[in-house]
Amino acid sequence: MKSTFPNISISTERLVLRPLDEDDVPALAEMMNDEQVAAWTDVPQPFTEEGARSWVTEYAPAERTSGRGLDLAVTEFLTQRLVGIVQLTKTNWHIRSTELSYIIAPWARGEGYASEAALAIAQWLFQEQKFERIEVRTAADNTASQQVAQRIGCISEGVLRNACIVHVHTEDGTWTDVRTDFIVWSLLPEDLDAVSEELADIGGFTSFSNWN
C-alpha cells in the first residue's frame, strides 16, 4: 500500500504549489513573524531564518518521506513570490484521511489565495491520491480560516471544546496562551460537487510529479 506523498507540484490559474526550498527561507521567516500567524498557530515566536531553514531542509522532507504529511510552498504563478504555505498533517493511509491547514502572507490576504490553494490540493488528493476525507480545524474566533473552509465546500461537523490554544498580546507586549474551542470541518469527494463552478474553474489544477 502506498504510504508517502510524491514530490509534487500543483499549478492553478494564479498559483504554483511546490516543495519548499532554501530560496524560500527569508520570505518564510518574514511571513511566520506576522501577528496573525503568531495568534492562531503554534509557530515559535520570534521565528528566525534558522528556524525557517530547518523547516525547509529537515522537517518538511521528513514529514513527506515518513508519510505523516506534506508541506508545500504557495507561490504566485507569474512572480514566483511566496504567498503562503499549505500543510497536510496527521495523515492516515489506511482510511485515506488527512488534516489540511493553510497560512497566507499578510500582503497576499484578501485575494482568495488560501481558497484557491486549498481547493487545488483537495482536488489533487481526491482525484489523484484517492483520499476519502480531508479535515480542517479552526479556532473558534478565527473567522478568516472558517471562511476558507466554507468556500471550498467543507461541512462543519462540531466543536471540540477547550481543545485549542491561541495566543494574545499582554499589556507588556509579550504573548500569553488562551484556551478556546476548535471547530472541526470535513471535506469529502462528493462535497466538491457543491462548490461553485466559478471557484472550481479558478482552482482547477495541473500536477507534476517528481518535482525538482
N, C-alpha and C. Protein backbone atom coordinates (compact mmCIF):
# COMPACT_ATOMS: atom_id res chain seq x y z
N MET A 1 0.84 -1.20 0.00
CA MET A 1 0.00 0.00 0.00
C MET A 1 0.88 1.25 0.00
N LYS A 2 0.52 2.19 -0.85
CA LYS A 2 1.26 3.44 -0.90
C LYS A 2 1.11 4.19 0.42
N SER A 3 2.23 4.72 0.92
CA SER A 3 2.17 5.36 2.24
C SER A 3 2.97 6.65 2.32
N THR A 4 3.34 7.22 1.20
CA THR A 4 4.01 8.53 1.20
C THR A 4 3.46 9.36 0.04
N PHE A 5 3.52 10.67 0.21
CA PHE A 5 3.12 11.57 -0.86
C PHE A 5 4.26 11.71 -1.87
N PRO A 6 3.95 11.90 -3.15
CA PRO A 6 5.00 12.13 -4.14
C PRO A 6 5.58 13.53 -4.00
N ASN A 7 6.74 13.74 -4.58
CA ASN A 7 7.35 15.07 -4.64
C ASN A 7 6.62 15.82 -5.74
N ILE A 8 5.67 16.65 -5.36
CA ILE A 8 4.65 17.12 -6.30
C ILE A 8 4.69 18.63 -6.48
N SER A 9 4.29 19.08 -7.66
CA SER A 9 4.00 20.48 -7.92
C SER A 9 2.61 20.56 -8.51
N ILE A 10 1.79 21.49 -8.02
CA ILE A 10 0.42 21.66 -8.48
C ILE A 10 0.25 23.09 -8.97
N SER A 11 -0.22 23.26 -10.20
CA SER A 11 -0.41 24.59 -10.77
C SER A 11 -1.89 24.89 -10.93
N THR A 12 -2.27 26.13 -10.57
CA THR A 12 -3.62 26.62 -10.82
C THR A 12 -3.50 27.84 -11.75
N GLU A 13 -4.59 28.54 -11.92
CA GLU A 13 -4.56 29.71 -12.81
C GLU A 13 -3.58 30.76 -12.32
N ARG A 14 -3.50 30.97 -10.98
CA ARG A 14 -2.66 32.04 -10.44
C ARG A 14 -1.50 31.55 -9.60
N LEU A 15 -1.51 30.27 -9.22
CA LEU A 15 -0.58 29.80 -8.20
C LEU A 15 0.19 28.56 -8.63
N VAL A 16 1.32 28.36 -7.98
CA VAL A 16 2.05 27.10 -8.06
C VAL A 16 2.28 26.62 -6.63
N LEU A 17 1.84 25.41 -6.33
CA LEU A 17 2.11 24.77 -5.04
C LEU A 17 3.25 23.80 -5.28
N ARG A 18 4.35 23.97 -4.57
CA ARG A 18 5.56 23.19 -4.84
C ARG A 18 6.30 22.93 -3.53
N PRO A 19 7.26 22.00 -3.53
CA PRO A 19 8.05 21.78 -2.31
C PRO A 19 8.80 23.04 -1.90
N LEU A 20 8.95 23.23 -0.61
CA LEU A 20 9.75 24.33 -0.09
C LEU A 20 11.21 24.13 -0.49
N ASP A 21 11.91 25.24 -0.76
CA ASP A 21 13.35 25.15 -1.00
C ASP A 21 14.05 26.28 -0.24
N GLU A 22 15.37 26.24 -0.22
CA GLU A 22 16.13 27.16 0.61
C GLU A 22 15.97 28.61 0.18
N ASP A 23 15.62 28.86 -1.07
CA ASP A 23 15.38 30.22 -1.51
C ASP A 23 14.16 30.83 -0.82
N ASP A 24 13.30 30.00 -0.25
CA ASP A 24 12.09 30.48 0.43
C ASP A 24 12.37 30.96 1.85
N VAL A 25 13.57 30.69 2.38
CA VAL A 25 13.83 30.92 3.80
C VAL A 25 13.54 32.35 4.25
N PRO A 26 14.07 33.40 3.58
CA PRO A 26 13.80 34.76 4.08
C PRO A 26 12.32 35.11 4.08
N ALA A 27 11.61 34.79 3.00
CA ALA A 27 10.18 35.12 2.92
C ALA A 27 9.38 34.29 3.90
N LEU A 28 9.78 33.04 4.11
CA LEU A 28 9.08 32.18 5.06
C LEU A 28 9.22 32.71 6.48
N ALA A 29 10.44 33.13 6.84
CA ALA A 29 10.66 33.68 8.18
C ALA A 29 9.85 34.95 8.38
N GLU A 30 9.84 35.82 7.38
CA GLU A 30 9.07 37.06 7.48
C GLU A 30 7.58 36.78 7.65
N MET A 31 7.06 35.85 6.88
CA MET A 31 5.64 35.53 6.94
C MET A 31 5.26 34.96 8.30
N MET A 32 6.10 34.11 8.86
CA MET A 32 5.78 33.45 10.12
C MET A 32 5.88 34.38 11.33
N ASN A 33 6.50 35.53 11.15
CA ASN A 33 6.58 36.50 12.24
C ASN A 33 5.39 37.46 12.29
N ASP A 34 4.43 37.27 11.40
CA ASP A 34 3.24 38.11 11.39
C ASP A 34 2.39 37.86 12.63
N GLU A 35 1.73 38.88 13.13
CA GLU A 35 0.95 38.77 14.37
C GLU A 35 -0.23 37.80 14.23
N GLN A 36 -0.85 37.73 13.08
CA GLN A 36 -1.96 36.80 12.91
C GLN A 36 -1.48 35.35 12.95
N VAL A 37 -0.31 35.11 12.36
CA VAL A 37 0.27 33.77 12.43
C VAL A 37 0.61 33.42 13.87
N ALA A 38 1.19 34.39 14.58
CA ALA A 38 1.53 34.16 15.99
C ALA A 38 0.29 33.89 16.83
N ALA A 39 -0.81 34.56 16.50
CA ALA A 39 -2.03 34.42 17.30
C ALA A 39 -2.69 33.06 17.12
N TRP A 40 -2.73 32.57 15.87
CA TRP A 40 -3.57 31.41 15.57
C TRP A 40 -2.80 30.10 15.42
N THR A 41 -1.47 30.14 15.43
CA THR A 41 -0.69 28.92 15.26
C THR A 41 0.29 28.75 16.42
N ASP A 42 0.96 27.61 16.43
CA ASP A 42 1.98 27.36 17.44
C ASP A 42 3.39 27.57 16.89
N VAL A 43 3.51 28.33 15.81
CA VAL A 43 4.83 28.65 15.27
C VAL A 43 5.63 29.43 16.31
N PRO A 44 6.86 29.02 16.63
CA PRO A 44 7.65 29.73 17.64
C PRO A 44 7.86 31.20 17.28
N GLN A 45 7.79 32.06 18.29
CA GLN A 45 7.97 33.50 18.10
C GLN A 45 9.10 34.01 18.99
N PRO A 46 10.01 34.84 18.47
CA PRO A 46 10.12 35.19 17.04
C PRO A 46 10.59 34.00 16.21
N PHE A 47 10.20 33.98 14.95
CA PHE A 47 10.55 32.89 14.05
C PHE A 47 11.77 33.31 13.23
N THR A 48 12.88 32.62 13.41
CA THR A 48 14.15 33.02 12.81
C THR A 48 14.36 32.38 11.45
N GLU A 49 15.32 32.91 10.70
CA GLU A 49 15.69 32.28 9.43
C GLU A 49 16.29 30.90 9.67
N GLU A 50 16.95 30.73 10.80
CA GLU A 50 17.46 29.40 11.14
C GLU A 50 16.31 28.41 11.30
N GLY A 51 15.24 28.85 11.96
CA GLY A 51 14.06 28.01 12.09
C GLY A 51 13.42 27.70 10.76
N ALA A 52 13.36 28.71 9.89
CA ALA A 52 12.80 28.51 8.56
C ALA A 52 13.64 27.52 7.75
N ARG A 53 14.95 27.63 7.86
CA ARG A 53 15.85 26.72 7.12
C ARG A 53 15.69 25.29 7.62
N SER A 54 15.54 25.12 8.93
CA SER A 54 15.33 23.79 9.49
C SER A 54 14.01 23.20 8.99
N TRP A 55 12.99 24.03 8.90
CA TRP A 55 11.70 23.59 8.38
C TRP A 55 11.86 23.09 6.94
N VAL A 56 12.55 23.90 6.11
CA VAL A 56 12.68 23.59 4.70
C VAL A 56 13.54 22.34 4.47
N THR A 57 14.66 22.25 5.18
CA THR A 57 15.64 21.19 4.89
C THR A 57 15.46 19.93 5.71
N GLU A 58 14.81 20.03 6.87
CA GLU A 58 14.69 18.87 7.75
C GLU A 58 13.24 18.45 7.99
N TYR A 59 12.43 19.36 8.53
CA TYR A 59 11.08 18.99 8.94
C TYR A 59 10.21 18.59 7.74
N ALA A 60 10.13 19.45 6.73
CA ALA A 60 9.24 19.17 5.60
C ALA A 60 9.62 17.88 4.86
N PRO A 61 10.90 17.66 4.54
CA PRO A 61 11.24 16.38 3.88
C PRO A 61 10.92 15.16 4.74
N ALA A 62 11.14 15.28 6.06
CA ALA A 62 10.86 14.15 6.95
C ALA A 62 9.37 13.84 7.01
N GLU A 63 8.53 14.88 7.01
CA GLU A 63 7.09 14.68 7.01
C GLU A 63 6.65 13.91 5.77
N ARG A 64 7.19 14.30 4.62
CA ARG A 64 6.78 13.63 3.38
C ARG A 64 7.28 12.18 3.32
N THR A 65 8.55 11.98 3.58
CA THR A 65 9.10 10.63 3.42
C THR A 65 8.56 9.66 4.47
N SER A 66 8.18 10.17 5.62
CA SER A 66 7.61 9.31 6.66
C SER A 66 6.15 8.97 6.39
N GLY A 67 5.52 9.73 5.50
CA GLY A 67 4.10 9.54 5.21
C GLY A 67 3.18 10.31 6.13
N ARG A 68 3.76 11.08 7.07
CA ARG A 68 2.90 11.82 8.01
C ARG A 68 2.16 12.97 7.35
N GLY A 69 2.79 13.60 6.36
CA GLY A 69 2.14 14.77 5.78
C GLY A 69 2.89 15.34 4.60
N LEU A 70 2.57 16.58 4.28
CA LEU A 70 3.15 17.25 3.12
C LEU A 70 3.11 18.75 3.36
N ASP A 71 4.25 19.43 3.16
CA ASP A 71 4.34 20.88 3.28
C ASP A 71 4.67 21.46 1.92
N LEU A 72 3.83 22.35 1.41
CA LEU A 72 4.05 22.94 0.10
C LEU A 72 4.06 24.46 0.19
N ALA A 73 5.02 25.04 -0.51
CA ALA A 73 5.02 26.49 -0.70
C ALA A 73 3.92 26.87 -1.68
N VAL A 74 3.23 27.97 -1.41
CA VAL A 74 2.25 28.52 -2.34
C VAL A 74 2.86 29.78 -2.94
N THR A 75 3.07 29.79 -4.24
CA THR A 75 3.73 30.92 -4.89
C THR A 75 2.87 31.47 -6.02
N GLU A 76 3.07 32.76 -6.30
CA GLU A 76 2.38 33.36 -7.44
C GLU A 76 2.95 32.79 -8.74
N PHE A 77 2.07 32.42 -9.65
CA PHE A 77 2.49 31.82 -10.91
C PHE A 77 3.39 32.76 -11.71
N LEU A 78 3.04 34.06 -11.76
CA LEU A 78 3.78 35.00 -12.60
C LEU A 78 5.06 35.49 -11.95
N THR A 79 5.03 35.79 -10.65
CA THR A 79 6.19 36.40 -9.99
C THR A 79 7.04 35.39 -9.21
N GLN A 80 6.49 34.21 -8.93
CA GLN A 80 7.12 33.18 -8.11
C GLN A 80 7.31 33.63 -6.66
N ARG A 81 6.65 34.70 -6.27
CA ARG A 81 6.75 35.20 -4.90
C ARG A 81 6.00 34.27 -3.96
N LEU A 82 6.56 34.02 -2.77
CA LEU A 82 5.92 33.16 -1.79
C LEU A 82 4.72 33.87 -1.17
N VAL A 83 3.53 33.30 -1.35
CA VAL A 83 2.33 33.91 -0.79
C VAL A 83 1.80 33.14 0.41
N GLY A 84 2.28 31.91 0.61
CA GLY A 84 1.77 31.16 1.75
C GLY A 84 2.29 29.74 1.80
N ILE A 85 1.67 28.96 2.67
CA ILE A 85 2.01 27.57 2.91
C ILE A 85 0.71 26.77 3.03
N VAL A 86 0.68 25.57 2.46
CA VAL A 86 -0.38 24.62 2.78
C VAL A 86 0.29 23.39 3.38
N GLN A 87 -0.35 22.81 4.39
CA GLN A 87 0.19 21.65 5.07
C GLN A 87 -0.84 20.55 5.18
N LEU A 88 -0.38 19.33 4.97
CA LEU A 88 -1.16 18.14 5.29
C LEU A 88 -0.47 17.46 6.46
N THR A 89 -1.23 17.13 7.50
CA THR A 89 -0.66 16.50 8.69
C THR A 89 -1.60 15.39 9.17
N LYS A 90 -1.08 14.60 10.11
CA LYS A 90 -1.88 13.53 10.74
C LYS A 90 -2.51 12.62 9.68
N THR A 91 -1.75 12.31 8.64
CA THR A 91 -2.27 11.51 7.54
C THR A 91 -2.45 10.05 7.95
N ASN A 92 -3.61 9.50 7.64
CA ASN A 92 -3.91 8.10 7.90
C ASN A 92 -4.10 7.42 6.55
N TRP A 93 -3.12 6.60 6.16
CA TRP A 93 -3.16 5.99 4.83
C TRP A 93 -4.15 4.84 4.75
N HIS A 94 -4.51 4.27 5.89
CA HIS A 94 -5.47 3.16 5.87
C HIS A 94 -6.87 3.66 5.52
N ILE A 95 -7.27 4.77 6.15
CA ILE A 95 -8.60 5.31 5.86
C ILE A 95 -8.56 6.45 4.84
N ARG A 96 -7.35 6.75 4.33
CA ARG A 96 -7.15 7.79 3.30
C ARG A 96 -7.73 9.12 3.78
N SER A 97 -7.19 9.58 4.91
CA SER A 97 -7.65 10.82 5.54
C SER A 97 -6.44 11.65 5.94
N THR A 98 -6.58 12.98 5.89
CA THR A 98 -5.50 13.87 6.30
C THR A 98 -6.09 15.19 6.78
N GLU A 99 -5.29 15.94 7.54
CA GLU A 99 -5.73 17.24 8.04
C GLU A 99 -5.05 18.35 7.25
N LEU A 100 -5.81 19.32 6.80
CA LEU A 100 -5.32 20.42 5.98
C LEU A 100 -5.27 21.71 6.78
N SER A 101 -4.17 22.46 6.63
CA SER A 101 -4.09 23.81 7.19
C SER A 101 -3.41 24.72 6.18
N TYR A 102 -3.56 26.03 6.37
CA TYR A 102 -3.05 26.98 5.40
C TYR A 102 -2.68 28.28 6.12
N ILE A 103 -1.62 28.91 5.63
CA ILE A 103 -1.17 30.21 6.13
C ILE A 103 -0.87 31.08 4.92
N ILE A 104 -1.35 32.32 4.95
CA ILE A 104 -1.12 33.25 3.85
C ILE A 104 -0.38 34.48 4.37
N ALA A 105 0.60 34.95 3.61
CA ALA A 105 1.37 36.13 3.99
C ALA A 105 0.47 37.35 4.11
N PRO A 106 0.79 38.28 5.01
CA PRO A 106 -0.08 39.46 5.22
C PRO A 106 -0.38 40.23 3.94
N TRP A 107 0.62 40.43 3.10
CA TRP A 107 0.44 41.24 1.89
C TRP A 107 -0.47 40.56 0.86
N ALA A 108 -0.65 39.24 0.99
CA ALA A 108 -1.41 38.48 -0.01
C ALA A 108 -2.83 38.16 0.42
N ARG A 109 -3.21 38.56 1.64
CA ARG A 109 -4.54 38.23 2.13
C ARG A 109 -5.63 39.03 1.41
N GLY A 110 -6.80 38.45 1.34
CA GLY A 110 -7.93 39.12 0.69
C GLY A 110 -8.00 38.91 -0.80
N GLU A 111 -7.10 38.09 -1.35
CA GLU A 111 -7.07 37.86 -2.79
C GLU A 111 -7.62 36.49 -3.17
N GLY A 112 -8.08 35.72 -2.19
CA GLY A 112 -8.61 34.40 -2.48
C GLY A 112 -7.56 33.32 -2.66
N TYR A 113 -6.31 33.63 -2.29
CA TYR A 113 -5.23 32.67 -2.49
C TYR A 113 -5.40 31.43 -1.61
N ALA A 114 -5.83 31.60 -0.36
CA ALA A 114 -5.99 30.45 0.53
C ALA A 114 -7.03 29.48 -0.03
N SER A 115 -8.16 30.00 -0.48
CA SER A 115 -9.21 29.15 -1.05
C SER A 115 -8.72 28.45 -2.31
N GLU A 116 -8.02 29.19 -3.15
CA GLU A 116 -7.53 28.61 -4.40
C GLU A 116 -6.54 27.49 -4.14
N ALA A 117 -5.61 27.73 -3.21
CA ALA A 117 -4.60 26.71 -2.89
C ALA A 117 -5.25 25.50 -2.20
N ALA A 118 -6.15 25.76 -1.26
CA ALA A 118 -6.79 24.67 -0.53
C ALA A 118 -7.64 23.81 -1.46
N LEU A 119 -8.36 24.46 -2.36
CA LEU A 119 -9.19 23.72 -3.30
C LEU A 119 -8.34 22.88 -4.24
N ALA A 120 -7.22 23.44 -4.69
CA ALA A 120 -6.34 22.72 -5.62
C ALA A 120 -5.78 21.46 -4.97
N ILE A 121 -5.33 21.58 -3.73
CA ILE A 121 -4.75 20.39 -3.08
C ILE A 121 -5.84 19.39 -2.73
N ALA A 122 -7.06 19.87 -2.43
CA ALA A 122 -8.17 18.96 -2.18
C ALA A 122 -8.52 18.17 -3.44
N GLN A 123 -8.60 18.85 -4.57
CA GLN A 123 -8.88 18.16 -5.83
C GLN A 123 -7.81 17.13 -6.14
N TRP A 124 -6.56 17.49 -5.92
CA TRP A 124 -5.45 16.57 -6.17
C TRP A 124 -5.53 15.36 -5.25
N LEU A 125 -5.81 15.59 -3.97
CA LEU A 125 -5.92 14.49 -3.02
C LEU A 125 -7.04 13.52 -3.40
N PHE A 126 -8.19 14.05 -3.78
CA PHE A 126 -9.33 13.20 -4.09
C PHE A 126 -9.18 12.51 -5.45
N GLN A 127 -8.69 13.24 -6.44
CA GLN A 127 -8.67 12.70 -7.79
C GLN A 127 -7.45 11.83 -8.08
N GLU A 128 -6.27 12.26 -7.61
CA GLU A 128 -5.05 11.54 -7.94
C GLU A 128 -4.55 10.64 -6.83
N GLN A 129 -4.81 11.02 -5.58
CA GLN A 129 -4.34 10.22 -4.45
C GLN A 129 -5.42 9.34 -3.84
N LYS A 130 -6.65 9.49 -4.35
CA LYS A 130 -7.77 8.66 -3.93
C LYS A 130 -8.07 8.75 -2.43
N PHE A 131 -7.89 9.96 -1.88
CA PHE A 131 -8.26 10.17 -0.48
C PHE A 131 -9.78 10.25 -0.36
N GLU A 132 -10.26 9.98 0.87
CA GLU A 132 -11.70 9.94 1.11
C GLU A 132 -12.17 11.00 2.10
N ARG A 133 -11.21 11.66 2.78
CA ARG A 133 -11.61 12.65 3.78
C ARG A 133 -10.48 13.63 4.02
N ILE A 134 -10.83 14.91 4.07
CA ILE A 134 -9.92 15.97 4.49
C ILE A 134 -10.56 16.66 5.68
N GLU A 135 -9.76 16.88 6.72
CA GLU A 135 -10.26 17.55 7.92
C GLU A 135 -9.57 18.89 8.08
N VAL A 136 -10.32 19.89 8.48
CA VAL A 136 -9.80 21.22 8.78
C VAL A 136 -10.26 21.58 10.19
N ARG A 137 -9.33 22.09 11.01
CA ARG A 137 -9.69 22.55 12.35
C ARG A 137 -9.38 24.03 12.46
N THR A 138 -10.37 24.81 12.90
CA THR A 138 -10.19 26.25 13.02
C THR A 138 -10.52 26.69 14.44
N ALA A 139 -9.72 27.61 14.97
CA ALA A 139 -10.03 28.18 16.28
C ALA A 139 -11.39 28.88 16.21
N ALA A 140 -12.10 28.86 17.32
CA ALA A 140 -13.48 29.36 17.34
C ALA A 140 -13.62 30.79 16.84
N ASP A 141 -12.62 31.64 17.08
CA ASP A 141 -12.70 33.04 16.68
C ASP A 141 -11.96 33.35 15.39
N ASN A 142 -11.39 32.34 14.74
CA ASN A 142 -10.62 32.58 13.52
C ASN A 142 -11.56 32.55 12.32
N THR A 143 -12.28 33.65 12.14
CA THR A 143 -13.31 33.69 11.10
C THR A 143 -12.73 33.61 9.69
N ALA A 144 -11.52 34.16 9.49
CA ALA A 144 -10.92 34.12 8.15
C ALA A 144 -10.66 32.67 7.72
N SER A 145 -10.13 31.87 8.63
CA SER A 145 -9.88 30.46 8.31
C SER A 145 -11.19 29.71 8.09
N GLN A 146 -12.20 30.05 8.87
CA GLN A 146 -13.50 29.40 8.72
C GLN A 146 -14.12 29.74 7.36
N GLN A 147 -13.94 30.96 6.89
CA GLN A 147 -14.48 31.36 5.60
C GLN A 147 -13.83 30.58 4.46
N VAL A 148 -12.53 30.30 4.59
CA VAL A 148 -11.84 29.48 3.58
C VAL A 148 -12.44 28.08 3.56
N ALA A 149 -12.61 27.49 4.74
CA ALA A 149 -13.18 26.15 4.82
C ALA A 149 -14.57 26.10 4.18
N GLN A 150 -15.38 27.09 4.47
CA GLN A 150 -16.73 27.13 3.90
C GLN A 150 -16.68 27.30 2.38
N ARG A 151 -15.76 28.14 1.92
CA ARG A 151 -15.72 28.46 0.50
C ARG A 151 -15.32 27.25 -0.35
N ILE A 152 -14.50 26.37 0.19
CA ILE A 152 -14.09 25.21 -0.60
C ILE A 152 -15.05 24.03 -0.44
N GLY A 153 -16.11 24.23 0.34
CA GLY A 153 -17.15 23.21 0.44
C GLY A 153 -17.13 22.37 1.69
N CYS A 154 -16.30 22.72 2.68
CA CYS A 154 -16.24 21.94 3.91
C CYS A 154 -17.56 22.01 4.68
N ILE A 155 -17.85 20.94 5.40
CA ILE A 155 -19.03 20.86 6.24
C ILE A 155 -18.59 20.90 7.70
N SER A 156 -19.22 21.76 8.49
CA SER A 156 -18.92 21.82 9.92
C SER A 156 -19.50 20.60 10.61
N GLU A 157 -18.63 19.88 11.34
CA GLU A 157 -19.07 18.65 11.99
C GLU A 157 -19.34 18.83 13.49
N GLY A 158 -18.76 19.86 14.08
CA GLY A 158 -18.98 20.05 15.50
C GLY A 158 -17.85 20.81 16.15
N VAL A 159 -17.85 20.83 17.47
CA VAL A 159 -16.91 21.61 18.25
C VAL A 159 -16.16 20.70 19.21
N LEU A 160 -14.83 20.86 19.22
CA LEU A 160 -14.00 20.22 20.24
C LEU A 160 -13.78 21.25 21.34
N ARG A 161 -14.47 21.10 22.42
CA ARG A 161 -14.46 22.13 23.46
C ARG A 161 -13.11 22.20 24.16
N ASN A 162 -12.62 23.44 24.29
CA ASN A 162 -11.40 23.70 25.06
C ASN A 162 -10.18 22.95 24.51
N ALA A 163 -10.19 22.65 23.20
CA ALA A 163 -9.14 21.80 22.62
C ALA A 163 -8.06 22.59 21.89
N CYS A 164 -8.19 23.91 21.88
CA CYS A 164 -7.27 24.74 21.09
C CYS A 164 -6.64 25.80 21.98
N ILE A 165 -5.36 26.09 21.72
CA ILE A 165 -4.68 27.18 22.41
C ILE A 165 -4.32 28.25 21.39
N VAL A 166 -4.78 29.47 21.62
CA VAL A 166 -4.41 30.62 20.80
C VAL A 166 -3.55 31.55 21.64
N HIS A 167 -3.04 32.59 21.02
CA HIS A 167 -2.08 33.45 21.70
C HIS A 167 -2.51 34.91 21.56
N VAL A 168 -2.45 35.64 22.66
CA VAL A 168 -2.83 37.05 22.66
C VAL A 168 -1.71 37.88 23.28
N HIS A 169 -1.64 39.13 22.85
CA HIS A 169 -0.66 40.06 23.40
C HIS A 169 -1.12 40.55 24.78
N THR A 170 -0.19 40.58 25.69
CA THR A 170 -0.48 41.15 27.00
C THR A 170 -0.09 42.62 27.00
N GLU A 171 -0.40 43.33 28.09
CA GLU A 171 -0.10 44.76 28.17
C GLU A 171 1.39 45.05 28.08
N ASP A 172 2.22 44.12 28.53
CA ASP A 172 3.66 44.35 28.48
C ASP A 172 4.28 43.93 27.14
N GLY A 173 3.42 43.56 26.17
CA GLY A 173 3.91 43.26 24.83
C GLY A 173 4.31 41.82 24.60
N THR A 174 4.19 40.98 25.62
CA THR A 174 4.51 39.56 25.45
C THR A 174 3.27 38.79 25.04
N TRP A 175 3.47 37.53 24.66
CA TRP A 175 2.37 36.67 24.28
C TRP A 175 1.96 35.79 25.44
N THR A 176 0.67 35.52 25.56
CA THR A 176 0.18 34.59 26.57
C THR A 176 -0.80 33.62 25.92
N ASP A 177 -0.89 32.41 26.46
CA ASP A 177 -1.77 31.39 25.91
C ASP A 177 -3.19 31.55 26.45
N VAL A 178 -4.15 31.36 25.56
CA VAL A 178 -5.57 31.37 25.94
C VAL A 178 -6.23 30.14 25.34
N ARG A 179 -6.96 29.41 26.15
CA ARG A 179 -7.61 28.19 25.67
C ARG A 179 -8.98 28.53 25.07
N THR A 180 -9.29 27.86 23.95
CA THR A 180 -10.57 28.08 23.28
C THR A 180 -11.01 26.78 22.60
N ASP A 181 -12.07 26.86 21.81
CA ASP A 181 -12.61 25.68 21.14
C ASP A 181 -12.05 25.54 19.73
N PHE A 182 -12.02 24.31 19.24
CA PHE A 182 -11.77 24.01 17.84
C PHE A 182 -13.10 23.74 17.16
N ILE A 183 -13.31 24.32 15.98
CA ILE A 183 -14.40 23.90 15.11
C ILE A 183 -13.83 22.90 14.11
N VAL A 184 -14.46 21.76 13.99
CA VAL A 184 -13.98 20.70 13.10
C VAL A 184 -14.81 20.71 11.81
N TRP A 185 -14.10 20.76 10.69
CA TRP A 185 -14.73 20.75 9.36
C TRP A 185 -14.24 19.52 8.60
N SER A 186 -15.06 19.01 7.70
CA SER A 186 -14.62 17.91 6.85
C SER A 186 -15.00 18.19 5.41
N LEU A 187 -14.20 17.60 4.52
CA LEU A 187 -14.45 17.68 3.09
C LEU A 187 -14.33 16.27 2.53
N LEU A 188 -15.38 15.81 1.85
CA LEU A 188 -15.39 14.51 1.20
C LEU A 188 -15.42 14.72 -0.31
N PRO A 189 -15.06 13.72 -1.09
CA PRO A 189 -15.04 13.91 -2.55
C PRO A 189 -16.34 14.47 -3.11
N GLU A 190 -17.48 13.99 -2.60
CA GLU A 190 -18.76 14.45 -3.12
C GLU A 190 -19.06 15.90 -2.75
N ASP A 191 -18.41 16.41 -1.71
CA ASP A 191 -18.65 17.80 -1.31
C ASP A 191 -18.15 18.79 -2.35
N LEU A 192 -17.13 18.39 -3.12
CA LEU A 192 -16.61 19.30 -4.14
C LEU A 192 -17.63 19.57 -5.24
N ASP A 193 -18.60 18.66 -5.39
CA ASP A 193 -19.65 18.88 -6.39
C ASP A 193 -20.49 20.10 -6.06
N ALA A 194 -20.51 20.47 -4.77
CA ALA A 194 -21.33 21.61 -4.34
C ALA A 194 -20.60 22.93 -4.46
N VAL A 195 -19.29 22.88 -4.75
CA VAL A 195 -18.52 24.10 -4.89
C VAL A 195 -18.92 24.80 -6.18
N SER A 196 -19.02 26.13 -6.12
CA SER A 196 -19.48 26.88 -7.30
C SER A 196 -18.57 26.63 -8.49
N GLU A 197 -19.15 26.66 -9.68
CA GLU A 197 -18.39 26.43 -10.91
C GLU A 197 -17.29 27.47 -11.07
N GLU A 198 -17.56 28.69 -10.64
CA GLU A 198 -16.55 29.76 -10.75
C GLU A 198 -15.32 29.43 -9.93
N LEU A 199 -15.51 28.98 -8.69
CA LEU A 199 -14.37 28.67 -7.83
C LEU A 199 -13.66 27.42 -8.34
N ALA A 200 -14.41 26.46 -8.84
CA ALA A 200 -13.79 25.25 -9.37
C ALA A 200 -12.89 25.57 -10.56
N ASP A 201 -13.33 26.52 -11.40
CA ASP A 201 -12.51 26.92 -12.54
C ASP A 201 -11.21 27.57 -12.07
N ILE A 202 -11.30 28.42 -11.06
CA ILE A 202 -10.10 29.07 -10.53
C ILE A 202 -9.14 28.03 -9.96
N GLY A 203 -9.70 27.03 -9.28
CA GLY A 203 -8.87 26.07 -8.59
C GLY A 203 -8.47 24.87 -9.42
N GLY A 204 -8.94 24.78 -10.68
CA GLY A 204 -8.56 23.66 -11.50
C GLY A 204 -7.04 23.55 -11.59
N PHE A 205 -6.53 22.32 -11.48
CA PHE A 205 -5.09 22.18 -11.29
C PHE A 205 -4.46 21.31 -12.36
N THR A 206 -3.15 21.48 -12.51
CA THR A 206 -2.31 20.55 -13.25
C THR A 206 -1.20 20.13 -12.30
N SER A 207 -0.97 18.84 -12.18
CA SER A 207 0.05 18.36 -11.24
C SER A 207 1.24 17.80 -12.00
N PHE A 208 2.41 17.94 -11.38
CA PHE A 208 3.65 17.45 -11.95
C PHE A 208 4.39 16.66 -10.88
N SER A 209 4.57 15.37 -11.09
CA SER A 209 5.27 14.54 -10.12
C SER A 209 6.76 14.66 -10.29
N ASN A 210 7.49 14.14 -9.27
CA ASN A 210 8.95 14.14 -9.29
C ASN A 210 9.51 15.53 -9.53
N TRP A 211 8.94 16.49 -8.80
CA TRP A 211 9.36 17.88 -8.91
C TRP A 211 10.81 18.04 -8.45
N ASN A 212 11.56 18.85 -9.19
CA ASN A 212 12.94 19.14 -8.75
C ASN A 212 13.34 20.50 -9.26
